[in-house]
Protein backbone atom coordinates (compact mmCIF):
# COMPACT_ATOMS: atom_id res chain seq x y z
CA MET A 1 24.93 15.44 -13.28
CA THR A 2 26.20 13.07 -15.99
CA HIS A 3 29.75 13.62 -14.72
CA LYS A 4 28.66 12.71 -11.18
CA LEU A 5 26.88 9.56 -12.37
CA ASP A 6 30.00 8.50 -14.26
CA GLU A 7 31.99 8.86 -11.05
CA ILE A 8 29.45 6.77 -9.15
CA THR A 9 29.51 4.13 -11.90
CA ARG A 10 33.29 3.80 -11.59
CA ALA A 11 33.10 3.71 -7.81
CA LYS A 12 30.41 1.02 -7.88
CA ASP A 13 32.38 -1.07 -10.38
CA ALA A 14 35.39 -0.93 -8.08
CA TRP A 15 33.20 -1.82 -5.09
CA ASN A 16 31.74 -4.76 -7.01
CA ASP A 17 35.25 -6.05 -7.74
CA SER A 18 36.04 -6.20 -4.03
CA ARG A 19 32.59 -7.46 -3.11
CA ARG A 20 32.85 -10.52 -5.36
CA LYS A 21 35.34 -12.00 -2.90
CA MET A 22 32.61 -12.15 -0.26
CA GLN A 23 30.16 -15.05 0.00
CA ASP A 24 26.45 -14.18 0.34
CA ARG A 25 24.05 -16.24 2.39
CA ASP A 26 22.19 -18.98 0.52
CA PHE A 27 18.95 -16.99 0.43
CA LYS A 28 16.36 -15.73 -2.01
CA PHE A 29 17.01 -11.98 -2.07
CA GLU A 30 13.59 -10.88 -3.27
CA THR A 31 10.59 -9.10 -1.85
CA VAL A 32 7.79 -11.26 -0.50
CA SER A 33 6.11 -10.68 -3.88
CA SER A 34 9.16 -12.11 -5.72
CA LEU A 35 10.50 -8.81 -7.05
CA PRO A 36 14.33 -9.06 -7.18
CA VAL A 37 16.23 -6.84 -4.74
CA ASN A 38 19.67 -5.53 -5.67
CA ASP A 39 22.50 -5.78 -3.19
CA LEU A 40 23.04 -2.02 -3.23
CA TYR A 41 21.10 1.02 -4.45
CA THR A 42 22.77 4.23 -5.58
CA PRO A 43 21.80 7.33 -7.60
CA LEU A 44 22.29 5.15 -10.68
CA ASP A 45 19.02 3.37 -9.84
CA VAL A 46 17.02 6.62 -9.84
CA GLY A 47 19.01 8.56 -12.43
CA ASP A 48 15.90 9.66 -14.33
CA LEU A 49 13.98 10.74 -11.21
CA ASP A 50 12.58 14.25 -11.63
CA TYR A 51 11.71 15.70 -8.25
CA GLN A 52 8.87 17.97 -9.31
CA ARG A 53 7.39 15.47 -11.77
CA ASP A 54 7.74 12.30 -9.72
CA LEU A 55 7.67 13.45 -6.09
CA GLY A 56 6.61 17.05 -5.58
CA MET A 57 5.91 18.50 -2.17
CA PRO A 58 3.64 16.81 0.38
CA GLY A 59 0.04 17.81 -0.21
CA GLN A 60 0.76 18.72 -3.84
CA TYR A 61 0.47 16.90 -7.17
CA PRO A 62 1.38 14.07 -7.76
CA PHE A 63 1.02 13.42 -4.00
CA THR A 64 3.77 10.78 -3.90
CA ARG A 65 4.90 12.29 -0.59
CA GLY A 66 1.45 12.40 1.01
CA VAL A 67 -1.97 13.98 0.56
CA GLN A 68 -1.64 16.57 3.33
CA ALA A 69 1.01 19.28 3.46
CA ASN A 70 1.72 18.72 7.15
CA MET A 71 0.65 15.05 7.41
CA TYR A 72 0.92 13.76 11.01
CA ARG A 73 2.37 17.02 12.34
CA GLY A 74 -1.13 18.41 11.86
CA ARG A 75 -3.24 15.39 12.74
CA LEU A 76 -2.41 11.79 13.54
CA TRP A 77 -3.95 9.00 11.52
CA THR A 78 -7.34 7.74 12.71
CA MET A 79 -6.94 4.69 14.94
CA ARG A 80 -9.84 2.59 13.75
CA GLN A 81 -10.01 -0.95 15.18
CA PHE A 82 -12.25 -3.34 13.20
CA ALA A 83 -14.83 -4.73 15.64
CA GLY A 84 -18.18 -6.45 15.80
CA PHE A 85 -19.45 -9.76 17.11
CA ALA A 86 -22.57 -11.51 18.42
CA THR A 87 -25.48 -9.08 18.69
CA ALA A 88 -25.70 -5.31 18.37
CA LYS A 89 -25.79 -4.99 22.17
CA GLU A 90 -22.50 -6.86 22.69
CA SER A 91 -20.80 -4.97 19.88
CA ASN A 92 -22.04 -1.65 21.27
CA GLU A 93 -20.31 -2.50 24.55
CA ARG A 94 -17.07 -3.34 22.69
CA TYR A 95 -17.22 -0.01 20.81
CA LYS A 96 -17.60 1.93 24.03
CA TYR A 97 -14.67 -0.02 25.51
CA LEU A 98 -12.45 0.84 22.52
CA LEU A 99 -13.45 4.51 22.55
CA ALA A 100 -12.64 4.66 26.26
CA LYS A 101 -9.18 3.20 25.52
CA GLY A 102 -8.38 5.97 23.04
CA GLN A 103 -9.65 4.69 19.70
CA THR A 104 -10.60 7.62 17.46
CA GLY A 105 -12.95 5.98 14.93
CA LEU A 106 -15.26 2.99 14.68
CA SER A 107 -15.11 0.18 12.14
CA VAL A 108 -17.98 -2.30 11.89
CA ALA A 109 -17.48 -6.00 11.14
CA PHE A 110 -20.69 -7.74 10.06
CA ASP A 111 -21.49 -11.45 10.33
CA MET A 112 -21.74 -13.64 7.24
CA PRO A 113 -25.56 -13.72 7.03
CA THR A 114 -25.59 -9.90 6.98
CA ILE A 115 -22.80 -9.82 4.40
CA MET A 116 -24.70 -12.26 2.17
CA GLY A 117 -28.10 -10.58 2.59
CA TYR A 118 -29.85 -13.13 4.81
CA ASP A 119 -31.85 -12.37 7.94
CA SER A 120 -30.74 -14.16 11.10
CA ASP A 121 -33.68 -16.59 11.02
CA HIS A 122 -33.04 -17.70 7.42
CA PRO A 123 -32.06 -21.39 7.08
CA ARG A 124 -28.78 -20.38 5.40
CA ALA A 125 -27.87 -18.26 8.43
CA TYR A 126 -27.94 -21.25 10.78
CA GLY A 127 -24.74 -21.55 12.82
CA GLU A 128 -23.26 -18.28 11.48
CA VAL A 129 -25.18 -15.56 13.32
CA GLY A 130 -22.78 -13.25 15.15
CA ARG A 131 -19.78 -15.51 14.53
CA VAL A 132 -17.42 -13.33 12.51
CA GLY A 133 -19.11 -10.00 13.08
CA VAL A 134 -22.27 -8.39 14.35
CA ALA A 135 -25.73 -9.48 13.18
CA ILE A 136 -27.73 -6.58 11.73
CA ASP A 137 -31.20 -7.44 10.45
CA SER A 138 -33.03 -4.12 10.65
CA LEU A 139 -32.90 -0.49 11.68
CA GLN A 140 -33.67 -1.68 15.20
CA ASP A 141 -30.32 -3.48 15.37
CA MET A 142 -28.45 -0.48 13.93
CA GLU A 143 -30.03 1.77 16.55
CA THR A 144 -28.85 -0.60 19.29
CA LEU A 145 -25.38 -0.85 17.76
CA PHE A 146 -24.84 2.90 18.09
CA SER A 147 -26.85 3.55 21.22
CA GLY A 148 -25.11 6.19 23.32
CA ILE A 149 -22.55 6.91 20.55
CA PRO A 150 -23.15 10.35 19.00
CA LEU A 151 -22.92 9.93 15.24
CA ASP A 152 -22.13 13.61 14.67
CA ARG A 153 -18.87 13.19 16.62
CA VAL A 154 -17.66 9.72 15.59
CA SER A 155 -16.45 8.64 12.16
CA THR A 156 -17.64 5.14 11.27
CA SER A 157 -16.38 2.69 8.66
CA MET A 158 -18.60 -0.22 7.62
CA THR A 159 -17.16 -3.25 5.85
CA ILE A 160 -20.09 -4.34 3.73
CA ASN A 161 -20.35 -4.69 -0.04
CA ALA A 162 -23.25 -6.39 -1.83
CA PRO A 163 -25.86 -5.04 0.68
CA ALA A 164 -23.90 -1.80 1.25
CA SER A 165 -26.76 0.48 0.15
CA ILE A 166 -29.09 -1.07 2.76
CA LEU A 167 -26.69 -0.89 5.71
CA TRP A 168 -25.74 2.66 4.75
CA CYS A 169 -29.41 3.65 4.74
CA MET A 170 -29.81 2.05 8.17
CA TYR A 171 -26.91 4.20 9.42
CA ILE A 172 -28.45 7.36 7.93
CA ALA A 173 -31.80 6.51 9.53
CA THR A 174 -30.09 5.88 12.89
CA GLY A 175 -28.57 9.33 12.63
CA GLU A 176 -32.06 10.74 12.02
CA LYS A 177 -33.29 8.97 15.16
CA GLN A 178 -30.47 10.65 17.10
CA GLY A 179 -31.33 14.02 15.60
CA VAL A 180 -28.18 14.07 13.46
CA PRO A 181 -28.87 15.20 9.88
CA SER A 182 -27.20 13.20 7.11
CA GLU A 183 -25.12 16.25 6.16
CA LYS A 184 -23.17 15.85 9.41
CA LEU A 185 -22.43 12.12 9.14
CA THR A 186 -18.82 11.18 8.50
CA GLY A 187 -17.36 7.81 7.66
CA THR A 188 -16.84 5.25 4.94
CA ILE A 189 -18.80 2.36 3.51
CA GLN A 190 -16.71 -0.23 1.71
CA ASN A 191 -19.24 -0.73 -1.11
CA ASP A 192 -16.56 -2.28 -3.34
CA ILE A 193 -18.33 -5.01 -5.26
CA LEU A 194 -15.67 -5.44 -7.94
CA LYS A 195 -13.13 -6.90 -5.52
CA GLU A 196 -15.81 -9.39 -4.42
CA TYR A 197 -15.90 -10.85 -7.93
CA ILE A 198 -12.10 -10.72 -8.04
CA ALA A 199 -11.13 -12.04 -4.61
CA GLN A 200 -13.47 -12.22 -1.61
CA LYS A 201 -16.46 -13.87 -3.33
CA SER A 202 -19.26 -12.45 -1.16
CA TRP A 203 -21.37 -11.15 -4.01
CA ILE A 204 -25.15 -11.35 -4.45
CA PHE A 205 -26.17 -9.61 -7.70
CA PRO A 206 -24.55 -9.56 -11.16
CA PRO A 207 -22.02 -6.79 -11.88
CA HIS A 208 -24.20 -4.34 -13.84
CA PRO A 209 -27.04 -3.89 -11.29
CA SER A 210 -24.42 -3.87 -8.54
CA MET A 211 -22.70 -0.97 -10.28
CA ARG A 212 -26.05 0.79 -10.55
CA LEU A 213 -26.44 0.65 -6.75
CA ILE A 214 -22.96 2.10 -6.35
CA THR A 215 -23.50 5.02 -8.70
CA ASP A 216 -26.86 5.68 -7.01
CA ILE A 217 -24.95 5.99 -3.73
CA PHE A 218 -22.49 8.39 -5.41
CA ALA A 219 -25.33 10.62 -6.61
CA TYR A 220 -27.34 10.55 -3.37
CA SER A 221 -24.31 11.18 -1.20
CA THR A 222 -23.22 14.19 -3.25
CA ASP A 223 -26.51 15.93 -2.44
CA HIS A 224 -27.37 14.56 1.01
CA VAL A 225 -24.32 13.01 2.76
CA PRO A 226 -21.45 15.16 1.47
CA LYS A 227 -18.89 14.19 4.13
CA TRP A 228 -19.24 10.46 3.55
CA ASN A 229 -16.71 8.30 1.66
CA THR A 230 -19.01 6.43 -0.68
CA VAL A 231 -16.71 3.56 -1.61
CA SER A 232 -13.54 2.18 -0.06
CA ILE A 233 -11.78 0.57 -2.99
CA SER A 234 -10.21 -2.42 -1.38
CA GLY A 235 -6.91 -4.04 -2.15
CA TYR A 236 -6.90 -5.63 1.28
CA HIS A 237 -8.96 -8.65 0.33
CA ILE A 238 -7.14 -9.02 -2.98
CA ARG A 239 -3.90 -9.36 -1.01
CA GLU A 240 -5.46 -11.67 1.57
CA ALA A 241 -6.53 -13.95 -1.31
CA GLY A 242 -2.85 -14.40 -2.21
CA SER A 243 -1.92 -11.63 -4.64
CA THR A 244 1.47 -9.98 -4.84
CA ALA A 245 1.94 -6.34 -3.82
CA ALA A 246 2.03 -5.28 -7.48
CA GLN A 247 -1.21 -7.15 -8.18
CA GLU A 248 -2.86 -5.58 -5.14
CA LEU A 249 -1.78 -2.15 -6.36
CA ALA A 250 -2.81 -2.66 -9.98
CA PHE A 251 -6.10 -4.48 -9.44
CA THR A 252 -7.23 -2.05 -6.74
CA LEU A 253 -6.54 1.03 -8.84
CA ALA A 254 -8.11 -0.62 -11.89
CA ASP A 255 -11.28 -1.11 -9.82
CA GLY A 256 -11.09 2.54 -8.82
CA PHE A 257 -10.84 3.63 -12.44
CA ALA A 258 -13.86 1.42 -13.25
CA TYR A 259 -15.94 3.18 -10.56
CA VAL A 260 -14.89 6.58 -11.92
CA GLU A 261 -15.91 5.54 -15.43
CA ALA A 262 -19.24 4.19 -14.14
CA GLY A 263 -19.95 7.47 -12.36
CA ILE A 264 -19.15 9.49 -15.48
CA ALA A 265 -21.28 7.15 -17.62
CA ALA A 266 -24.17 7.71 -15.19
CA GLY A 267 -23.98 11.42 -15.95
CA LEU A 268 -22.17 12.55 -12.81
CA ASN A 269 -19.46 15.21 -12.78
CA VAL A 270 -16.19 13.52 -11.82
CA ASP A 271 -15.30 16.31 -9.37
CA ASP A 272 -18.64 15.87 -7.60
CA PHE A 273 -18.01 12.27 -6.54
CA ALA A 274 -14.29 11.48 -6.93
CA PRO A 275 -13.20 13.38 -3.79
CA ARG A 276 -15.33 10.96 -1.72
CA LEU A 277 -13.67 7.84 -3.09
CA SER A 278 -11.21 6.29 -0.66
CA PHE A 279 -8.97 3.23 -0.68
CA PHE A 280 -8.19 0.34 1.64
CA PHE A 281 -4.79 -1.33 1.45
CA ASN A 282 -3.09 -4.26 3.10
CA ALA A 283 0.07 -3.67 5.17
CA HIS A 284 1.96 -6.89 4.50
CA ILE A 285 5.21 -8.02 6.05
CA ASP A 286 7.76 -6.86 3.42
CA PHE A 287 8.49 -3.47 4.94
CA PHE A 288 9.94 -1.45 2.07
CA GLU A 289 7.77 -3.03 -0.62
CA GLU A 290 4.66 -1.88 1.22
CA ILE A 291 5.91 1.69 1.59
CA ALA A 292 6.74 1.81 -2.11
CA LYS A 293 3.27 0.44 -2.94
CA TYR A 294 1.50 3.27 -1.10
CA ARG A 295 3.69 5.96 -2.67
CA ALA A 296 3.22 4.54 -6.17
CA ALA A 297 -0.56 4.31 -5.64
CA ARG A 298 -0.84 8.02 -4.89
CA ARG A 299 1.21 8.99 -7.92
CA ILE A 300 -0.64 6.71 -10.33
CA TRP A 301 -4.07 7.85 -9.11
CA ALA A 302 -3.20 11.54 -9.32
CA LYS A 303 -1.90 11.29 -12.87
CA ARG A 304 -4.84 9.22 -14.15
CA MET A 305 -7.48 11.40 -12.51
CA LYS A 306 -5.96 14.60 -13.87
CA VAL A 307 -4.91 13.47 -17.34
CA LYS A 308 -7.28 10.66 -18.36
CA TYR A 309 -10.49 11.57 -16.51
CA GLY A 310 -10.11 15.34 -16.67
CA ALA A 311 -10.67 16.00 -12.97
CA LYS A 312 -10.07 19.66 -12.18
CA SER A 313 -10.17 19.58 -8.37
CA PRO A 314 -6.97 18.61 -6.52
CA LYS A 315 -9.24 16.74 -4.10
CA SER A 316 -10.13 14.38 -6.97
CA TRP A 317 -6.43 13.72 -7.54
CA MET A 318 -5.76 12.72 -3.92
CA LEU A 319 -5.67 9.03 -3.08
CA ARG A 320 -6.68 8.78 0.57
CA PHE A 321 -6.47 5.35 2.15
CA HIS A 322 -7.10 3.22 5.21
CA THR A 323 -4.70 0.42 6.04
CA GLN A 324 -5.10 -2.85 7.91
CA THR A 325 -2.18 -5.03 8.86
CA ALA A 326 -2.07 -8.35 7.04
CA GLY A 327 -4.29 -11.06 8.48
CA CYS A 328 -2.68 -13.59 6.13
CA SER A 329 0.73 -12.94 7.70
CA LEU A 330 -0.46 -14.00 11.16
CA THR A 331 0.30 -17.49 12.39
CA ALA A 332 -1.51 -19.87 14.70
CA GLN A 333 1.91 -21.11 15.78
CA GLN A 334 3.46 -18.96 18.53
CA PRO A 335 0.63 -16.43 18.22
CA GLU A 336 2.25 -13.91 20.59
CA ILE A 337 4.86 -13.08 17.94
CA ASN A 338 2.01 -11.76 15.79
CA ILE A 339 2.29 -8.64 17.95
CA VAL A 340 5.75 -8.06 16.47
CA ARG A 341 4.62 -8.70 12.90
CA THR A 342 1.74 -6.28 13.33
CA ALA A 343 3.99 -3.56 14.74
CA TYR A 344 6.32 -3.65 11.72
CA GLU A 345 3.38 -3.71 9.31
CA ALA A 346 1.77 -0.76 11.08
CA LEU A 347 5.05 1.15 10.87
CA SER A 348 5.18 0.61 7.10
CA ALA A 349 1.63 2.00 6.79
CA VAL A 350 2.55 5.10 8.78
CA LEU A 351 5.78 5.70 6.88
CA GLY A 352 3.75 5.19 3.69
CA GLY A 353 1.32 7.96 4.68
CA THR A 354 -1.93 6.20 5.64
CA GLN A 355 -4.95 8.25 6.78
CA SER A 356 -6.31 5.60 9.15
CA LEU A 357 -5.08 2.30 10.48
CA HIS A 358 -6.32 -0.96 11.97
CA THR A 359 -3.80 -3.16 13.74
CA ASN A 360 -4.70 -6.84 13.90
CA SER A 361 -4.77 -8.61 17.22
CA MET A 362 -2.44 -11.51 17.96
CA ASP A 363 -5.30 -14.02 18.27
CA GLU A 364 -7.26 -13.10 15.12
CA VAL A 365 -5.87 -16.13 13.31
CA LEU A 366 -7.69 -18.26 15.90
CA ALA A 367 -10.94 -16.37 16.58
CA LEU A 368 -12.41 -12.92 16.99
CA PRO A 369 -10.06 -11.01 19.30
CA THR A 370 -10.44 -10.75 23.06
CA GLU A 371 -10.54 -7.37 24.78
CA LYS A 372 -6.97 -7.87 26.03
CA SER A 373 -5.55 -8.57 22.58
CA VAL A 374 -7.50 -5.68 21.05
CA GLN A 375 -6.04 -3.34 23.66
CA ILE A 376 -2.50 -4.51 22.83
CA ALA A 377 -3.18 -3.91 19.13
CA LEU A 378 -4.48 -0.41 19.83
CA ARG A 379 -1.55 0.34 22.15
CA THR A 380 0.77 -0.64 19.27
CA GLN A 381 -0.60 2.29 17.27
CA GLN A 382 -0.40 4.63 20.23
CA ILE A 383 3.26 3.75 20.82
CA LEU A 384 3.96 4.42 17.14
CA ALA A 385 2.21 7.78 17.35
CA CYS A 386 3.54 9.01 20.67
CA GLU A 387 6.89 7.35 21.39
CA THR A 388 8.78 6.46 18.20
CA GLY A 389 9.05 9.91 16.57
CA VAL A 390 7.86 8.63 13.17
CA ALA A 391 5.00 11.12 13.13
CA ASN A 392 7.35 14.08 13.43
CA VAL A 393 8.67 14.13 9.86
CA ILE A 394 6.70 14.11 6.62
CA ASP A 395 7.62 11.22 4.28
CA PRO A 396 10.98 10.56 5.98
CA LEU A 397 12.08 7.88 3.47
CA ALA A 398 11.78 10.09 0.38
CA GLY A 399 15.06 10.23 -1.49
CA SER A 400 16.15 6.78 -0.40
CA TYR A 401 17.65 5.23 -3.50
CA PHE A 402 16.04 1.90 -2.64
CA VAL A 403 12.60 3.31 -1.80
CA GLU A 404 12.46 5.53 -4.88
CA ALA A 405 13.67 2.73 -7.17
CA LEU A 406 11.13 0.32 -5.67
CA THR A 407 8.35 2.94 -5.96
CA ASN A 408 9.19 3.30 -9.66
CA LYS A 409 9.23 -0.49 -10.05
CA MET A 410 5.80 -0.83 -8.43
CA GLU A 411 4.38 1.78 -10.78
CA GLU A 412 5.97 0.04 -13.77
CA GLU A 413 4.49 -3.34 -12.76
CA ALA A 414 1.05 -1.77 -12.25
CA GLU A 415 1.13 -0.10 -15.68
CA LYS A 416 1.79 -3.50 -17.30
CA TYR A 417 -1.35 -4.84 -15.65
CA PHE A 418 -3.40 -1.79 -16.71
CA GLU A 419 -2.41 -2.46 -20.33
CA GLU A 420 -3.44 -6.11 -20.03
CA ILE A 421 -6.79 -5.25 -18.40
CA GLU A 422 -7.46 -2.71 -21.15
CA ARG A 423 -6.56 -5.30 -23.79
CA ARG A 424 -9.14 -7.65 -22.28
CA GLY A 425 -11.89 -5.05 -22.52
CA GLY A 426 -11.79 -3.50 -19.06
CA VAL A 427 -12.37 -4.67 -15.50
CA LEU A 428 -15.84 -6.24 -15.95
CA SER A 429 -14.73 -8.14 -19.03
CA ALA A 430 -11.53 -9.29 -17.30
CA ILE A 431 -13.60 -10.55 -14.36
CA ASP A 432 -15.80 -12.49 -16.76
CA GLN A 433 -12.65 -14.02 -18.28
CA ASN A 434 -11.40 -14.99 -14.78
CA PHE A 435 -8.22 -13.01 -15.42
CA PHE A 436 -7.85 -11.53 -11.95
CA GLN A 437 -8.86 -14.75 -10.24
CA GLN A 438 -6.26 -16.79 -12.13
CA GLU A 439 -3.47 -14.28 -11.54
CA ILE A 440 -4.13 -14.27 -7.80
CA ALA A 441 -4.40 -18.07 -7.65
CA ASP A 442 -1.05 -18.43 -9.44
CA ALA A 443 0.62 -15.96 -7.07
CA ALA A 444 -0.81 -17.70 -4.00
CA TYR A 445 0.39 -21.08 -5.29
CA GLN A 446 3.90 -19.75 -5.90
CA PHE A 447 4.06 -18.20 -2.43
CA GLN A 448 3.04 -21.48 -0.79
CA ARG A 449 5.65 -23.37 -2.81
CA ASP A 450 8.29 -20.90 -1.62
CA VAL A 451 7.21 -21.40 1.99
CA ASP A 452 7.19 -25.19 1.61
CA LYS A 453 10.71 -25.13 0.12
CA LYS A 454 11.93 -22.58 2.71
CA ARG A 455 12.71 -20.00 0.06
CA ILE A 456 10.54 -17.79 2.28
CA ILE A 457 11.00 -18.16 6.03
CA MET A 458 7.95 -17.82 8.28
CA VAL A 459 9.03 -17.83 11.90
CA GLY A 460 7.29 -20.56 13.85
CA VAL A 461 5.87 -22.16 10.69
CA ASN A 462 8.77 -23.53 8.63
CA GLU A 463 11.67 -22.42 10.82
CA PHE A 464 12.34 -21.61 14.50
CA LEU A 465 9.62 -24.01 15.64
CA ASN A 466 8.72 -24.80 19.23
CA GLN A 467 8.44 -28.58 19.19
CA ASP A 468 6.57 -28.77 22.49
CA GLU A 469 4.25 -25.85 21.77
CA GLN A 470 0.84 -26.05 23.42
CA MET A 471 -2.09 -23.74 22.75
CA ASP A 472 -3.07 -22.21 26.08
CA MET A 473 -4.34 -18.83 24.87
CA ASP A 474 -7.80 -17.70 25.88
CA ILE A 475 -9.91 -17.01 22.81
CA LEU A 476 -13.29 -15.34 22.38
CA LYS A 477 -16.16 -17.82 22.05
CA ILE A 478 -19.62 -16.86 20.80
CA ASP A 479 -22.49 -18.33 22.81
CA PRO A 480 -24.79 -20.30 20.42
CA GLN A 481 -27.75 -18.95 22.42
CA ILE A 482 -27.30 -15.52 20.85
CA GLU A 483 -28.52 -16.88 17.50
CA LYS A 484 -31.82 -17.98 19.02
CA GLU A 485 -32.21 -14.67 20.82
CA GLN A 486 -31.46 -12.67 17.66
CA ALA A 487 -34.00 -14.70 15.67
CA GLU A 488 -36.64 -14.18 18.34
CA ARG A 489 -36.06 -10.40 18.36
CA LEU A 490 -36.47 -10.44 14.62
CA ARG A 491 -39.75 -12.35 14.76
CA LYS A 492 -41.01 -9.94 17.45
CA LEU A 493 -40.12 -6.97 15.23
CA ARG A 494 -42.08 -8.43 12.32
CA ARG A 495 -45.14 -8.93 14.56
CA GLU A 496 -45.09 -5.41 16.05
CA ARG A 497 -44.09 -3.15 13.14
CA ASP A 498 -46.56 -1.58 10.68
CA ASN A 499 -46.55 -4.35 8.07
CA ILE A 500 -48.82 -2.42 5.69
CA ARG A 501 -46.22 0.36 5.59
CA VAL A 502 -43.47 -2.23 5.06
CA GLY A 503 -45.34 -3.86 2.18
CA ASP A 504 -46.05 -0.51 0.50
CA ALA A 505 -42.40 0.56 0.83
CA LEU A 506 -41.14 -2.71 -0.66
CA ASP A 507 -43.63 -2.46 -3.54
CA GLU A 508 -42.37 1.04 -4.37
CA LEU A 509 -38.79 -0.20 -4.15
CA ARG A 510 -39.59 -3.02 -6.58
CA LYS A 511 -41.11 -0.61 -9.11
CA ALA A 512 -38.09 1.69 -8.86
CA ALA A 513 -35.67 -1.24 -9.29
CA TYR A 514 -37.42 -2.24 -12.54
CA GLY A 515 -37.07 1.38 -13.68
CA THR A 516 -34.18 3.84 -13.74
CA GLN A 517 -34.76 6.00 -10.64
CA ASN A 518 -32.14 6.44 -7.94
CA LEU A 519 -32.87 3.60 -5.51
CA ILE A 520 -31.49 5.14 -2.31
CA PRO A 521 -34.64 7.11 -1.33
CA PHE A 522 -36.72 3.94 -1.76
CA ILE A 523 -34.29 1.86 0.31
CA LEU A 524 -34.35 4.55 2.98
CA GLU A 525 -38.13 4.49 3.17
CA SER A 526 -38.11 0.69 3.48
CA VAL A 527 -35.51 0.88 6.24
CA ARG A 528 -37.46 3.55 8.12
CA ALA A 529 -40.49 1.25 8.03
CA TYR A 530 -38.30 -1.47 9.64
CA ALA A 531 -38.18 -3.72 6.62
CA THR A 532 -35.40 -6.19 7.20
CA GLU A 533 -32.24 -6.50 5.17
CA GLY A 534 -33.35 -9.92 3.92
CA GLU A 535 -36.71 -8.56 2.73
CA ILE A 536 -35.05 -5.75 0.76
CA ILE A 537 -32.49 -8.14 -0.71
CA ARG A 538 -35.31 -10.46 -1.85
CA VAL A 539 -36.78 -7.61 -3.85
CA PHE A 540 -33.45 -7.00 -5.53
CA ARG A 541 -32.88 -10.71 -6.17
CA GLU A 542 -36.27 -10.82 -7.90
CA VAL A 543 -35.39 -7.86 -10.13
CA PHE A 544 -31.64 -8.23 -10.63
CA GLY A 545 -31.09 -11.98 -10.32
CA GLU A 546 -28.02 -13.57 -8.72
CA TYR A 547 -24.45 -13.77 -9.91
CA LYS A 548 -22.88 -17.11 -10.83
CA GLU A 549 -19.13 -17.23 -11.32
CA LYS A 550 -17.79 -19.11 -14.31
CA PRO A 551 -15.66 -22.04 -13.13
CA ILE A 552 -12.10 -22.41 -14.41
CA PHE A 553 -10.00 -25.54 -14.50
């Protein structure tokens, strides 16, 4: 092998001599995350690659080549379009429309009052009800949301974090109303509070009680909802906040390690809960960098889970992930070309081995998507699956000198961040020091400078502009009347429910929150009594307090 590498070295030197006579374009040859890209990749760039150690076979440790042995030849990725707007009734109609068009899983977007733990008639909810997602105040709304949709046959993902335990309990109780036992429910709840402190900022409680709620979900799910993914560790929002690909990779996996450590510290067996941890990544616009990111993530996770955390089950070593194309790459200018961006991003996710995928709609930079744009986004996935041939071969880019070198580089960059996070005392301590927040802010600032100086070209934004462009696209508009109607339904519910039962359930929840018991059974009882999300959150605010981020200047 050394002899062969020497030959390649001589050949490349000779090639370089002739290449120097050629003038390159005046361009910044880097990834979108500012990693330098060589002009040519050869075996010299992956000379220390050990196939069994670094790649292995698909479905086998270290899972660089995918978590399933037959990948998409056995089953295509789940096509899971993120949807939810206005009231539960309107969103239910959109879900049925998407299922009829061939979507294979549901993904719930909640409005901001729900995300922040406020009922729709709270003063802070004014003007926001149903705007960026569906308003869910009580079990009654959750029942309406899934009316006519059998929960034993549909996998559902819910993007909710600080109040995740409450919305999850509402889903479990809705299944009970349908006659579906919790053991048969399948899906994912995001439940990733650490990335809220790092990037998205929709927290409610301080970190330690928030972590208690998460480990309570781990424990309850192990015994009662065994098919459910209890946390979707999200790099998506870290990337949307402006991070680089390497930061998204490192910070997301660091959060994952923190959840594993919290579960172990709570007395749980790592192999009992780790197989139900899943991940959520961003598919950004730099095609090869994204593929390398996914492959590096699987390898890093497998090694850490096996070596550092002592997991014995191969299922604990597998990093399974959902992908969403990058919202931050979409442009309000010439919005139709967002269809093209999304298609390339979706292709990178598929070639990187995703388990499920959401493709953004061309108009999401302007408003919630229309039915037409959602259908185009879904059809993009279906063309990928059925017409392009990319689902026929498992990990088709393995062995590419560039892809393997970039995969190694992504892992190397992530390991540097892990060392720094460890030096700062771990994830919670690094959050308190504003480490993640500052790193992301610096990366976002540098990216914007590069766009402003045209070091990075964004079509329609800083180059290839349409000077006479006019916005004539139809966008989805939410009727303000729905807020009044939602508030009235909520008031009617409070009048007609058994308020003695509600009060008793909330009192028991409060006692449990002051103690050390698992809180999920108490939340479930409150939900079954039709206590509202806001009422349950008020109990927790009383016991846990609220989080205040330290400002940095």
